[in-house]
């Protein structure tokens, strides 16, 4: 299965993702903010990153922009998982290189289904 990095300042969200996707056989690594996520992404070989938008130290948009500058991360799928639902913000995320968007709160089966679709591409 896939190696997935989840980046969120909420421990409960990270745990929910870890349980939902871990039950599907995926290996889940965790980061607590964009800075931590960027460091872990640089040091790891992930098939997918799932990130929050609003986090301390570095937000998800900035993290994606930084990752997309790196040749080995330019095509990596990145999903936003956030409470933000503003269409303008979604467009900014797409422009930054986000692959998809899932709004919190979310159902575990919905997350599993979307991750499956993204990884199948």
Protein backbone atom coordinates (compact mmCIF):
# COMPACT_ATOMS: atom_id res chain seq x y z
CA UNK A 1 0.00 0.00 0.00
CA UNK A 2 0.94 3.68 0.08
CA UNK A 3 3.17 5.72 2.33
CA UNK A 4 1.21 8.83 3.37
CA UNK A 5 2.27 11.94 5.28
CA UNK A 6 -0.50 13.72 7.17
CA UNK A 7 0.18 17.32 8.21
CA UNK A 8 -2.25 18.84 10.71
CA UNK A 9 -1.90 20.75 13.98
CA UNK A 10 -4.81 18.76 15.43
CA UNK A 11 -3.70 15.50 17.07
CA UNK A 12 -7.27 14.15 16.88
CA UNK A 13 -7.46 14.74 13.11
CA UNK A 14 -4.07 13.07 12.61
CA UNK A 15 -5.27 10.12 14.69
CA UNK A 16 -8.53 9.84 12.73
CA UNK A 17 -6.60 9.82 9.44
CA UNK A 18 -4.10 7.31 10.78
CA UNK A 19 -6.86 4.92 11.87
CA UNK A 20 -8.95 5.27 8.69
CA UNK A 21 -6.08 4.88 6.25
CA UNK A 22 -4.04 2.52 8.42
CA UNK A 23 -6.98 0.12 8.42
CA UNK A 24 -6.67 0.08 4.62
CA UNK A 25 -3.02 -0.97 4.90
CA UNK A 26 -1.40 2.41 4.30
CA UNK A 27 1.67 3.50 6.26
CA UNK A 28 0.97 6.85 7.92
CA UNK A 29 3.56 9.39 9.09
CA UNK A 30 2.57 12.55 10.95
CA UNK A 31 3.68 16.18 11.03
CA UNK A 32 2.29 18.91 13.30
CA UNK A 33 2.60 21.95 10.98
CA UNK A 34 3.91 23.04 7.59
CA UNK A 35 7.53 23.40 8.74
CA UNK A 36 7.49 19.89 10.22
CA UNK A 37 5.69 18.59 7.13
CA UNK A 38 8.23 20.13 4.77
CA UNK A 39 11.12 18.60 6.72
CA UNK A 40 9.49 15.16 6.83
CA UNK A 41 8.54 15.31 3.14
CA UNK A 42 12.15 16.18 2.27
CA UNK A 43 13.44 13.27 4.32
CA UNK A 44 10.88 10.70 3.22
CA UNK A 45 9.53 8.96 0.18
CA UNK A 46 5.77 9.49 0.32
CA UNK A 47 3.12 8.56 -2.22
CA UNK A 48 0.68 11.20 -0.93
CA UNK A 49 0.55 14.16 1.45
CA UNK A 50 -2.66 15.15 3.23
CA UNK A 51 -2.44 18.61 4.77
CA UNK A 52 -4.51 21.11 6.69
CA UNK A 53 -4.63 24.67 5.40
CA UNK A 54 -4.54 26.75 8.57
CA UNK A 55 -1.64 25.80 10.86
CA UNK A 56 0.88 27.64 13.01
CA UNK A 57 4.45 28.33 11.80
CA UNK A 58 3.71 27.50 8.15
CA UNK A 59 0.29 27.07 6.53
CA UNK A 60 -0.57 24.37 4.04
CA UNK A 61 -0.49 26.67 1.00
CA UNK A 62 3.04 27.81 1.76
CA UNK A 63 4.12 24.23 2.36
CA UNK A 64 2.70 23.12 -1.00
CA UNK A 65 4.39 25.99 -2.81
CA UNK A 66 7.72 25.03 -1.24
CA UNK A 67 7.25 21.35 -2.09
CA UNK A 68 6.34 22.11 -5.71
CA UNK A 69 9.71 23.90 -6.15
CA UNK A 70 11.49 20.58 -5.56
CA UNK A 71 11.81 18.43 -8.71
CA UNK A 72 11.26 15.16 -6.82
CA UNK A 73 8.06 16.51 -5.21
CA UNK A 74 6.61 18.39 -8.19
CA UNK A 75 4.21 15.61 -9.19
CA UNK A 76 3.40 14.19 -5.74
CA UNK A 77 -0.33 14.16 -4.99
CA UNK A 78 -1.30 16.55 -2.19
CA UNK A 79 -4.79 16.72 -0.69
CA UNK A 80 -6.09 19.54 1.47
CA UNK A 81 -8.19 18.43 4.43
CA UNK A 82 -9.53 21.60 6.00
CA UNK A 83 -12.51 23.43 7.47
CA UNK A 84 -12.06 26.10 4.79
CA UNK A 85 -14.72 25.95 2.08
CA UNK A 86 -14.23 29.31 0.33
CA UNK A 87 -14.12 28.94 -3.47
CA UNK A 88 -11.35 31.54 -3.75
CA UNK A 89 -9.22 29.62 -1.27
CA UNK A 90 -9.83 26.40 -3.18
CA UNK A 91 -8.60 28.12 -6.34
CA UNK A 92 -5.48 29.34 -4.53
CA UNK A 93 -4.82 25.78 -3.39
CA UNK A 94 -5.25 24.46 -6.93
CA UNK A 95 -2.94 27.17 -8.26
CA UNK A 96 -0.36 26.22 -5.62
CA UNK A 97 -0.45 22.61 -6.80
CA UNK A 98 -3.05 20.86 -4.64
CA UNK A 99 -4.45 17.68 -6.18
CA UNK A 100 -7.75 17.78 -4.29
CA UNK A 101 -9.77 19.19 -1.41
CA UNK A 102 -11.76 17.53 1.37
CA UNK A 103 -13.72 19.62 3.87
CA UNK A 104 -13.79 18.86 7.61
CA UNK A 105 -15.71 17.31 9.20
CA UNK A 106 -15.36 14.26 6.99
CA UNK A 107 -16.44 10.64 7.09
CA UNK A 108 -13.65 8.06 7.22
CA UNK A 109 -15.09 6.16 4.26
CA UNK A 110 -15.13 9.38 2.25
CA UNK A 111 -11.43 9.93 3.03
CA UNK A 112 -10.59 6.33 2.10
CA UNK A 113 -12.49 6.64 -1.18
CA UNK A 114 -10.81 9.93 -2.19
CA UNK A 115 -7.33 8.68 -1.24
CA UNK A 116 -7.97 5.55 -3.29
CA UNK A 117 -8.91 7.62 -6.34
CA UNK A 118 -5.88 9.89 -5.99
CA UNK A 119 -3.47 6.99 -5.57
CA UNK A 120 -4.97 5.14 -8.55
CA UNK A 121 -4.03 7.99 -10.93
